[in-house]
Protein backbone atom coordinates (compact mmCIF):
# COMPACT_ATOMS: atom_id res chain seq x y z
CA MET A 1 -16.43 -0.29 -3.52
CA ASN A 2 -15.37 -4.17 -3.82
CA LYS A 3 -14.22 -6.36 -1.30
CA PHE A 4 -10.43 -6.02 -2.14
CA SER A 5 -10.36 -2.57 -2.41
CA GLU A 6 -11.57 -1.65 0.66
CA ILE A 7 -9.17 -4.55 2.17
CA ILE A 8 -6.31 -2.60 1.14
CA LYS A 9 -7.91 0.05 1.75
CA ASN A 10 -8.66 -1.19 5.69
CA SER A 11 -5.22 -2.18 5.80
CA ALA A 12 -3.36 1.05 5.26
CA TYR A 13 -5.49 3.28 7.25
CA GLN A 14 -4.69 0.26 10.04
CA ARG A 15 -0.79 0.91 9.43
CA GLN A 16 -1.20 4.09 8.01
CA SER A 17 1.24 3.08 5.20
CA ARG A 18 1.22 3.07 1.88
CA ILE A 19 3.97 0.95 1.86
CA ILE A 20 3.14 -2.80 -0.71
CA LEU A 21 6.01 -4.89 -0.19
CA ALA A 22 7.20 -6.56 -3.58
CA LEU A 23 8.08 -10.29 -2.40
CA ASP A 24 10.79 -10.89 -4.89
CA ILE A 25 13.34 -12.84 -3.63
CA GLN A 26 15.76 -13.69 -6.07
CA PRO A 27 16.34 -17.57 -7.19
CA SER A 28 19.35 -19.19 -4.71
CA LYS A 29 20.07 -22.73 -4.52
CA THR A 30 21.40 -21.57 -0.70
CA ILE A 31 17.79 -19.76 0.15
CA ASP A 32 15.49 -21.64 1.33
CA TYR A 33 12.37 -19.42 -0.13
CA VAL A 34 9.20 -19.63 2.38
CA LYS A 35 10.96 -19.10 5.57
CA LYS A 36 12.83 -15.79 4.99
CA ALA A 37 9.33 -14.88 2.61
CA VAL A 38 7.92 -15.51 6.00
CA HIS A 39 10.11 -13.41 7.92
CA LEU A 40 9.83 -10.69 6.07
CA ILE A 41 5.90 -10.38 6.00
CA GLU A 42 5.87 -11.56 10.00
CA SER A 43 8.58 -8.40 10.53
CA LEU A 44 7.65 -5.77 8.29
CA GLY A 45 3.63 -6.47 9.11
CA SER A 46 3.12 -3.35 10.48
CA HIS A 47 4.67 -0.74 8.15
CA ILE A 48 3.27 -1.97 5.17
CA CYS A 49 -0.46 -2.64 3.95
CA ALA A 50 0.00 -5.11 1.14
CA VAL A 51 1.92 -8.44 -0.45
CA LYS A 52 2.27 -8.26 -4.03
CA VAL A 53 4.46 -11.67 -5.26
CA ASN A 54 5.04 -12.40 -8.85
CA ARG A 55 7.43 -15.17 -10.38
CA HIS A 56 10.11 -14.42 -8.42
CA LEU A 57 8.53 -17.12 -6.40
CA THR A 58 5.22 -18.76 -8.22
CA LEU A 59 8.30 -20.43 -10.73
CA PRO A 60 10.21 -22.36 -8.01
CA LEU A 61 7.26 -22.88 -5.41
CA GLY A 62 4.55 -23.60 -7.88
CA LEU A 63 0.59 -23.14 -7.00
CA GLY A 64 1.19 -25.82 -3.65
CA VAL A 65 1.86 -26.18 -0.47
CA GLU A 66 4.99 -23.32 0.51
CA ILE A 67 2.87 -20.69 -1.65
CA ARG A 68 -0.07 -21.26 0.03
CA LYS A 69 1.44 -21.53 3.56
CA ILE A 70 2.59 -17.74 2.67
CA LEU A 71 -0.39 -16.11 1.82
CA LYS A 72 -2.04 -17.65 4.50
CA VAL A 73 0.93 -15.64 6.96
CA CYS A 74 -0.21 -13.06 4.92
CA ASP A 75 -4.12 -12.99 5.80
CA LYS A 76 -2.94 -14.09 9.50
CA VAL A 77 -0.97 -11.08 9.88
CA GLY A 78 -4.04 -8.95 7.89
CA LEU A 79 -2.18 -7.97 4.54
CA PRO A 80 -3.61 -8.19 1.16
CA THR A 81 -2.36 -9.95 -0.92
CA ILE A 82 -1.19 -9.10 -5.24
CA MET A 83 -0.28 -11.85 -8.08
CA ASP A 84 1.78 -9.72 -10.19
CA CYS A 85 0.81 -12.53 -12.94
CA LYS A 86 0.56 -9.57 -15.50
CA ILE A 87 -2.58 -11.58 -17.65
CA ASN A 88 -1.77 -10.84 -21.14
CA ASP A 89 -3.62 -13.47 -23.67
CA VAL A 90 -6.42 -14.77 -25.13
CA GLY A 91 -9.63 -14.93 -22.53
CA SER A 92 -10.07 -18.49 -22.13
CA THR A 93 -6.88 -18.79 -20.89
CA ASN A 94 -6.86 -15.29 -19.10
CA LYS A 95 -10.02 -17.18 -17.01
CA VAL A 96 -8.46 -20.34 -15.73
CA MET A 97 -5.01 -17.99 -15.17
CA ALA A 98 -7.04 -15.55 -12.92
CA GLN A 99 -9.01 -18.71 -11.52
CA HIS A 100 -6.06 -20.30 -9.90
CA TYR A 101 -4.77 -17.54 -8.43
CA PHE A 102 -8.22 -16.28 -6.21
CA GLU A 103 -8.76 -20.09 -5.42
CA ILE A 104 -5.57 -20.54 -4.24
CA GLY A 105 -5.96 -16.98 -2.43
CA PHE A 106 -4.65 -14.56 -4.06
CA ASP A 107 -6.78 -10.85 -3.23
CA ALA A 108 -5.74 -9.43 -6.39
CA VAL A 109 -4.05 -10.14 -10.14
CA THR A 110 -2.54 -8.04 -12.84
CA ALA A 111 -3.22 -7.67 -15.79
CA ASN A 112 -1.98 -5.98 -18.89
CA PRO A 113 -4.77 -4.40 -20.84
CA PHE A 114 -3.09 -4.10 -24.48
CA VAL A 115 -5.25 -7.83 -25.19
CA GLY A 116 -8.41 -5.16 -24.90
CA TRP A 117 -11.83 -6.50 -23.29
CA GLU A 118 -13.46 -9.32 -25.60
CA ASP A 119 -12.53 -12.29 -25.47
CA GLY A 120 -9.51 -10.75 -24.23
CA LEU A 121 -9.83 -9.28 -20.17
CA GLN A 122 -13.58 -9.50 -19.74
CA SER A 123 -13.34 -13.17 -18.38
CA VAL A 124 -10.50 -11.64 -15.82
CA PHE A 125 -12.51 -9.12 -14.52
CA GLU A 126 -15.86 -11.18 -14.65
CA MET A 127 -13.29 -14.01 -12.85
CA ALA A 128 -12.76 -11.36 -10.46
CA GLU A 129 -15.98 -10.47 -9.69
CA THR A 130 -17.23 -14.12 -8.86
CA PHE A 131 -14.39 -14.80 -6.12
CA ASP A 132 -15.37 -10.64 -5.10
CA ARG A 133 -11.37 -10.35 -5.61
CA GLY A 134 -9.66 -7.28 -7.62
CA VAL A 135 -7.92 -6.22 -10.52
CA LEU A 136 -4.89 -3.80 -11.54
CA LEU A 137 -3.96 -2.63 -14.71
CA LEU A 138 -1.09 -2.71 -15.67
CA VAL A 139 -0.77 1.22 -17.73
CA TYR A 140 2.80 2.35 -18.06
CA MET A 141 5.45 0.03 -16.44
CA SER A 142 8.79 1.41 -13.81
CA HIS A 143 11.32 0.17 -16.30
CA LYS A 144 13.61 1.89 -18.74
CA GLY A 145 12.19 0.72 -22.45
CA SER A 146 8.37 1.22 -20.42
CA TRP A 147 8.23 4.23 -23.48
CA GLU A 148 8.45 1.82 -26.94
CA GLY A 149 5.38 -0.28 -25.84
CA TYR A 150 3.56 1.45 -23.10
CA GLY A 151 4.34 5.33 -24.55
CA ILE A 152 3.66 4.68 -28.75
CA MET A 153 0.78 6.93 -29.80
CA ALA A 154 -2.40 5.56 -30.99
CA ASN A 155 -5.93 6.46 -32.66
CA ASP A 156 -8.40 6.84 -30.06
CA PRO A 157 -11.74 5.25 -31.57
CA ASN A 158 -13.65 7.41 -29.35
CA SER A 159 -11.83 10.97 -30.70
CA GLY A 160 -10.15 9.90 -33.97
CA LYS A 161 -7.31 11.41 -32.55
CA THR A 162 -4.26 10.07 -31.88
CA ARG A 163 -2.87 10.14 -28.51
CA PRO A 164 -0.48 8.34 -26.29
CA LEU A 165 -1.17 4.57 -25.17
CA TYR A 166 -1.11 5.29 -21.58
CA ASN A 167 -4.09 8.05 -21.15
CA LEU A 168 -6.52 5.24 -23.31
CA PHE A 169 -4.67 2.38 -20.95
CA ALA A 170 -6.18 5.00 -17.87
CA GLU A 171 -9.22 5.62 -19.60
CA LYS A 172 -10.31 1.91 -19.61
CA ALA A 173 -8.76 0.97 -16.30
CA LEU A 174 -12.43 3.82 -15.72
CA ALA A 175 -14.39 2.21 -18.17
CA TRP A 176 -13.73 -1.65 -16.59
CA GLY A 177 -13.71 -0.43 -13.66
CA ALA A 178 -10.15 -1.58 -12.51
CA ASP A 179 -9.27 -1.54 -8.91
CA GLY A 180 -6.03 -0.11 -9.18
CA ALA A 181 -3.93 1.26 -12.15
CA ILE A 182 0.01 0.61 -11.91
CA VAL A 183 2.25 3.79 -13.42
CA GLY A 184 5.98 2.99 -12.46
CA ALA A 185 7.29 5.47 -9.67
CA THR A 186 10.27 6.05 -11.89
CA TYR A 187 8.28 8.71 -14.10
CA PRO A 188 6.17 10.50 -12.34
CA GLU A 189 4.95 12.87 -14.43
CA LYS A 190 3.21 10.15 -16.05
CA ILE A 191 1.58 9.42 -12.83
CA LEU A 192 0.14 12.69 -12.67
CA GLU A 193 -1.15 12.69 -16.53
CA VAL A 194 -3.09 9.90 -15.19
CA PHE A 195 -3.92 10.75 -12.22
CA ASN A 196 -5.55 13.74 -14.42
CA ILE A 197 -7.58 11.14 -15.89
CA LEU A 198 -8.43 8.97 -13.04
CA GLY A 199 -8.97 11.73 -10.30
CA ASN A 200 -9.85 10.03 -7.56
CA LYS A 201 -12.05 6.92 -9.02
CA VAL A 202 -8.98 4.65 -9.83
CA PRO A 203 -6.67 4.67 -7.51
CA ILE A 204 -3.49 4.46 -8.57
CA TYR A 205 0.46 1.67 -7.67
CA SER A 206 3.64 2.63 -7.88
CA PRO A 207 6.25 0.36 -8.65
CA GLY A 208 9.73 1.25 -9.00
CA ILE A 209 10.81 3.24 -6.01
CA GLY A 210 14.97 2.79 -4.66
CA VAL A 211 16.83 0.63 -6.55
CA GLN A 212 14.89 1.50 -9.62
CA GLY A 213 15.24 5.18 -9.15
CA GLY A 214 11.74 5.97 -8.32
CA ARG A 215 11.16 8.98 -5.64
CA VAL A 216 8.45 8.66 -2.55
CA ASN A 217 8.01 11.98 -2.68
CA LEU A 218 7.58 12.58 -6.70
CA ALA A 219 5.80 9.43 -6.65
CA ILE A 220 2.99 10.87 -4.44
CA SER A 221 2.68 14.52 -4.56
CA SER A 222 2.14 13.65 -8.03
CA GLY A 223 -1.20 11.75 -7.31
CA ALA A 224 0.40 7.84 -6.37
CA LYS A 225 -1.79 6.62 -3.88
CA TYR A 226 0.19 3.00 -2.75
CA LEU A 227 3.77 3.01 -3.53
CA ILE A 228 5.21 -1.11 -4.29
CA VAL A 229 8.51 -2.12 -2.84
CA GLY A 230 10.89 -5.23 -3.11
CA ARG A 231 14.51 -5.20 -3.71
CA SER A 232 15.03 -1.54 -1.15
CA ILE A 233 13.50 -3.91 1.81
CA ILE A 234 14.58 -6.72 0.59
CA HIS A 235 18.34 -6.13 -0.37
CA SER A 236 18.10 -3.83 2.84
CA ASN A 237 20.94 -4.32 6.52
CA ASP A 238 17.96 -3.70 8.62
CA PRO A 239 14.05 -4.17 5.96
CA VAL A 240 12.69 -2.92 9.54
CA ALA A 241 13.60 -0.07 9.78
CA THR A 242 14.10 0.31 5.96
CA ALA A 243 10.63 -0.46 5.61
CA LYS A 244 9.09 2.47 8.62
CA GLU A 245 11.75 4.65 7.27
CA LEU A 246 10.08 4.45 3.48
CA LYS A 247 6.60 4.69 5.65
CA ILE A 248 6.93 7.88 7.48
CA MET A 249 8.37 9.25 3.58
CA ALA A 250 4.88 8.71 2.01
CA GLY A 251 3.08 9.95 4.76
CA ARG A 252 0.42 9.64 6.67
CA LEU A 253 -3.03 8.42 4.57
CA LYS A 254 -6.01 10.92 5.50
CA LEU A 255 -9.77 10.30 5.86
């Protein structure tokens, strides 16, 4: 178990929460991104176990002072951070991306196994090892069109049989030593299928709770360990109450 896996596990047990806040603040000329992000992190700190950032923030803010301020607040509160960059390019580019995100303070990145290992994601895992950070692999996303890519049937080079691509991606998460596998909460049957491959060796992270239709109880009972929630909390009239309710619904973590 590397540093990231330990940090998020300890954070989850300390707060007894499986909820990861997706800090997907919608673009607006009237919003102070940093101020809103800091307020959410500080007010929700006892009800979430980590914070996920994607391009909603990194595009308008860049990787300079403002995004670093948000990361510092997360660190102060004791929340690990995940950069949802979905790394998906050739190895040399992937290496640069991972290096930049790790250098400014992110504890983990997401990556797409479509590009493969050699001259693909190998450099990302090597960079994560250098910085002692984590890599989460996209195994099956939460949106409606996921089946068009992750759900196609593909040849298994080991058995010669045709299998769903997401099954092969789950096996790559094991073989490559990923810190987590991302499977949409909108597809509990896929969570269960992936869990049957991974067991407790690689935890499942499930986005799509609430607005996209994913249900807490189904995701957890199917094998998800962490739930990634964004709009349902951020756009709630009472984000703290909503996060607390989700935390309770997801249930306590057992040692």
